[in-house]
C-alpha cells in the first residue's frame, strides 16, 4: 500500500522524512502548502497523478506541528486525530457561530478509521481527540475558549488537516492526522513557541508510527 504524508512546509516534511532510516518506496512525504485550500489542491493533485500513473495511494496522512489545547496537549507532545474538523467553516450569527452543516450544506468533519487511530495512539503513546483546522490561527484566550466550548474533545489546531481530508475523501482514500504541539492555543506569544521540540517529537512519533502505517489495511476497520 502506498502512503502519502502531506505536511505544510519543508521543515515538517524533513522532520517526517528523518524518521525513516532510508528510502521507503511506498511512502511519499510532500510539503503541500499552508492553509486548507492549498493543502487540498496540492493533495488532490498528488492523488490524481498517482492514480493516473497506476500506483494509487491507499492512505493519506496529514502531519505537522500545531497549537495544543492545554492541559491535554502540552508543548512537545504528539496528538492523533479521531476527527478532523473545520472549526471556522460556517457563519457568524447573532446567536453565535453556525457550521455549514447546520446551514444545510457541506460537511465540517472527517473521521479517520477507528482501528488506525487506536493503533497509532497505542504505538506513539499519544492521546486521540479532535484536531481542528482553522484558516486563522488562534491568538486570544477568548477565541481559544470559544473553540473548546464548541469542540470539547479538541486537542490541537492546525491549518491543513481538513483540506487534506477533503482531497482524500474525494478520491475515496482514508485519512489520518498527526500533530506535534509547538505552542499552546491562546494568546499569541512567539517567545513561548518550541518549534524545534515539536519537530523532534514529530520525527520520534513517525519512527514509532511507521510500522503501524505499513501494516494497516483498509479492511482492518
Protein backbone atom coordinates (compact mmCIF):
# COMPACT_ATOMS: atom_id res chain seq x y z
CA UNK A 1 0.00 0.00 0.00
CA UNK A 2 1.32 3.41 -0.95
CA UNK A 3 1.13 6.14 1.67
CA UNK A 4 1.12 9.89 1.09
CA UNK A 5 2.24 12.02 4.04
CA UNK A 6 1.14 15.62 3.50
CA UNK A 7 2.93 18.31 5.51
CA UNK A 8 2.55 22.04 5.16
CA UNK A 9 6.13 23.26 4.83
CA UNK A 10 9.57 21.81 4.07
CA UNK A 11 10.78 21.74 7.70
CA UNK A 12 7.84 19.50 8.60
CA UNK A 13 8.47 17.34 5.54
CA UNK A 14 12.10 16.95 6.54
CA UNK A 15 11.18 16.11 10.16
CA UNK A 16 8.93 13.29 8.98
CA UNK A 17 11.50 12.05 6.47
CA UNK A 18 14.14 11.81 9.23
CA UNK A 19 12.04 9.09 10.87
CA UNK A 20 12.88 6.71 8.03
CA UNK A 21 16.35 5.08 8.11
CA UNK A 22 16.47 5.09 4.31
CA UNK A 23 14.25 5.46 1.23
CA UNK A 24 10.83 3.87 1.69
CA UNK A 25 9.40 3.01 -1.75
CA UNK A 26 5.78 3.07 -0.62
CA UNK A 27 5.88 6.31 1.40
CA UNK A 28 6.00 9.77 -0.17
CA UNK A 29 6.37 12.82 2.06
CA UNK A 30 5.32 16.09 0.45
CA UNK A 31 5.06 19.72 1.52
CA UNK A 32 1.60 20.65 0.19
CA UNK A 33 1.43 24.26 1.37
CA UNK A 34 -0.09 26.31 4.18
CA UNK A 35 -3.84 26.56 4.72
CA UNK A 36 -6.75 24.27 3.87
CA UNK A 37 -7.28 25.45 0.29
CA UNK A 38 -3.71 24.98 -0.95
CA UNK A 39 -3.33 21.77 1.05
CA UNK A 40 -6.48 20.37 -0.56
CA UNK A 41 -5.44 21.37 -4.07
CA UNK A 42 -1.89 20.03 -3.74
CA UNK A 43 -3.02 16.77 -2.11
CA UNK A 44 -5.67 16.22 -4.77
CA UNK A 45 -3.06 16.80 -7.48
CA UNK A 46 -0.71 14.23 -5.92
CA UNK A 47 -3.53 11.69 -5.56
CA UNK A 48 -4.63 12.19 -9.16
CA UNK A 49 -1.10 11.85 -10.54
CA UNK A 50 -0.54 8.64 -8.59
CA UNK A 51 -3.82 7.15 -9.75
CA UNK A 52 -3.17 8.04 -13.39
CA UNK A 53 0.29 6.51 -13.16
CA UNK A 54 -1.21 3.23 -11.96
CA UNK A 55 0.11 3.46 -8.39
CA UNK A 56 -2.70 4.98 -6.31
CA UNK A 57 -2.26 5.80 -2.66
CA UNK A 58 -4.09 3.70 -0.09
CA UNK A 59 -3.74 6.13 2.81
CA UNK A 60 -3.14 9.85 3.29
CA UNK A 61 -1.62 11.24 6.49
CA UNK A 62 -1.79 14.94 7.31
CA UNK A 63 1.20 15.64 9.54
CA UNK A 64 2.98 18.60 11.04
CA UNK A 65 3.11 20.90 14.03
CA UNK A 66 0.30 22.91 15.55
CA UNK A 67 -1.13 24.52 18.65
CA UNK A 68 -2.20 22.39 21.58
CA UNK A 69 -5.12 22.88 23.95
CA UNK A 70 -3.79 22.81 27.50
CA UNK A 71 -3.62 20.82 29.69
CA UNK A 72 -4.30 17.79 27.49
CA UNK A 73 -1.78 18.58 24.72
CA UNK A 74 1.28 20.33 26.18
CA UNK A 75 4.13 21.72 24.11
CA UNK A 76 6.34 18.96 22.74
CA UNK A 77 3.63 16.31 22.84
CA UNK A 78 2.04 14.40 19.96
CA UNK A 79 -1.69 14.00 19.25
CA UNK A 80 -3.66 11.73 16.93
CA UNK A 81 -6.90 12.95 15.37
CA UNK A 82 -10.02 10.85 15.83
CA UNK A 83 -11.85 13.59 14.00
CA UNK A 84 -10.60 16.28 11.62
CA UNK A 85 -12.91 19.28 11.86
CA UNK A 86 -13.03 22.61 10.05
CA UNK A 87 -13.63 24.84 13.05
CA UNK A 88 -14.38 28.09 11.21
CA UNK A 89 -16.30 26.85 8.16
CA UNK A 90 -19.73 28.38 8.63
CA UNK A 91 -21.38 31.66 9.53
CA UNK A 92 -21.30 34.09 12.42
CA UNK A 93 -24.82 34.92 13.61
CA UNK A 94 -26.39 36.92 16.42
CA UNK A 95 -26.64 33.64 18.31
CA UNK A 96 -23.03 32.65 17.69
CA UNK A 97 -21.14 30.53 15.18
CA UNK A 98 -23.13 28.12 12.98
CA UNK A 99 -21.24 25.42 11.00
CA UNK A 100 -22.18 24.85 7.36
CA UNK A 101 -23.81 21.53 8.23
CA UNK A 102 -26.42 23.38 10.28
CA UNK A 103 -26.91 25.79 7.41
CA UNK A 104 -27.99 22.82 5.31
CA UNK A 105 -24.96 22.13 3.12
CA UNK A 106 -21.41 20.89 3.20
CA UNK A 107 -19.51 18.95 5.82
CA UNK A 108 -17.12 20.04 8.55
CA UNK A 109 -15.75 16.75 9.87
CA UNK A 110 -13.83 13.75 8.56
CA UNK A 111 -13.32 10.73 10.82
CA UNK A 112 -10.19 8.62 10.32
CA UNK A 113 -10.57 4.83 10.53
CA UNK A 114 -11.11 3.90 14.18
CA UNK A 115 -8.76 0.91 14.19
CA UNK A 116 -5.98 3.00 12.66
CA UNK A 117 -6.48 5.77 15.22
CA UNK A 118 -6.31 3.25 18.07
CA UNK A 119 -3.16 1.63 16.66
CA UNK A 120 -1.47 4.99 16.04
CA UNK A 121 -2.27 6.22 19.54
CA UNK A 122 -1.03 3.00 21.11
CA UNK A 123 2.20 2.98 19.11
CA UNK A 124 3.09 6.60 19.84
CA UNK A 125 1.63 6.95 23.32
CA UNK A 126 -0.31 9.97 22.07
CA UNK A 127 -3.87 10.86 23.07
CA UNK A 128 -6.62 10.74 20.45
CA UNK A 129 -9.10 13.57 20.06
CA UNK A 130 -10.31 16.21 17.66
CA UNK A 131 -7.79 18.23 15.67
CA UNK A 132 -9.29 21.48 14.44
CA UNK A 133 -8.47 23.07 11.11
CA UNK A 134 -8.54 26.86 11.11
CA UNK A 135 -7.80 29.44 8.45
CA UNK A 136 -6.80 31.97 11.11
CA UNK A 137 -4.55 30.76 13.92
CA UNK A 138 -6.00 31.41 17.36
CA UNK A 139 -4.33 34.35 19.09
CA UNK A 140 -6.58 35.20 22.04
CA UNK A 141 -7.83 33.47 25.15
CA UNK A 142 -11.41 34.32 24.18
CA UNK A 143 -11.20 32.50 20.86
CA UNK A 144 -9.44 29.53 22.44
CA UNK A 145 -12.23 29.29 24.99
CA UNK A 146 -14.90 29.54 22.29
CA UNK A 147 -13.28 26.76 20.27
CA UNK A 148 -13.06 24.48 23.29
CA UNK A 149 -16.70 25.19 24.11
CA UNK A 150 -17.78 24.22 20.59
CA UNK A 151 -15.34 21.30 20.38
CA UNK A 152 -14.85 19.85 23.87
CA UNK A 153 -12.71 16.95 22.65
CA UNK A 154 -10.28 19.21 20.77
CA UNK A 155 -6.60 18.55 21.45
CA UNK A 156 -4.96 20.73 18.82
CA UNK A 157 -5.45 23.16 15.97
CA UNK A 158 -3.60 23.48 12.68
CA UNK A 159 -4.29 24.83 9.20
CA UNK A 160 -4.23 21.92 6.74
CA UNK A 161 -5.88 18.75 8.05
CA UNK A 162 -9.40 19.36 6.78
CA UNK A 163 -8.15 20.36 3.33
CA UNK A 164 -6.04 17.21 3.09
CA UNK A 165 -9.00 15.15 4.31
CA UNK A 166 -11.33 16.72 1.72
CA UNK A 167 -8.95 15.74 -1.07
CA UNK A 168 -8.53 12.22 0.29
CA UNK A 169 -12.30 11.84 0.67
CA UNK A 170 -12.90 12.95 -2.92
CA UNK A 171 -10.58 10.13 -4.02
CA UNK A 172 -12.08 7.57 -1.68
CA UNK A 173 -8.84 7.26 0.29
CA UNK A 174 -8.81 7.08 4.11
CA UNK A 175 -7.02 9.81 6.04
CA UNK A 176 -5.21 10.20 9.35
CA UNK A 177 -3.87 13.33 11.05
CA UNK A 178 -0.89 13.53 13.40
CA UNK A 179 0.22 16.77 15.08
CA UNK A 180 3.16 17.68 17.30
CA UNK A 181 2.45 20.62 19.60
CA UNK A 182 4.70 23.66 19.19
CA UNK A 183 2.71 26.18 21.27
CA UNK A 184 -0.39 26.50 23.42
CA UNK A 185 -3.62 27.57 21.73
CA UNK A 186 -4.44 31.01 23.08
CA UNK A 187 -2.77 34.43 23.35
CA UNK A 188 -0.10 34.74 20.68
CA UNK A 189 3.34 34.60 22.31
CA UNK A 190 6.12 33.72 19.90
CA UNK A 191 8.63 33.56 22.74
CA UNK A 192 6.73 30.52 24.06
CA UNK A 193 6.87 28.61 20.78
CA UNK A 194 9.02 25.48 20.79
CA UNK A 195 9.13 24.61 17.11
CA UNK A 196 12.35 22.60 17.42
CA UNK A 197 10.86 20.46 20.19
CA UNK A 198 7.72 19.89 18.15
CA UNK A 199 9.68 18.87 15.05
CA UNK A 200 11.73 16.45 17.15
CA UNK A 201 8.51 14.97 18.54
CA UNK A 202 7.18 14.61 15.01
CA UNK A 203 10.29 12.68 13.94
CA UNK A 204 10.16 10.45 17.00
CA UNK A 205 6.45 9.86 16.58
CA UNK A 206 6.76 8.81 12.96
CA UNK A 207 9.57 6.46 13.89
CA UNK A 208 7.10 4.64 16.13
CA UNK A 209 4.18 5.07 13.73
CA UNK A 210 5.75 3.77 10.52
CA UNK A 211 5.25 0.04 11.26
CA UNK A 212 1.58 0.73 12.01
CA UNK A 213 1.06 2.59 8.75
CA UNK A 214 2.89 0.00 6.68
CA UNK A 215 0.93 -2.93 8.15
CA UNK A 216 -2.52 -1.33 8.20
CA UNK A 217 -5.08 -2.33 5.60
CA UNK A 218 -8.34 -0.50 4.96
CA UNK A 219 -10.39 -3.63 5.68
CA UNK A 220 -8.99 -3.64 9.26
CA UNK A 221 -11.88 -1.32 10.27
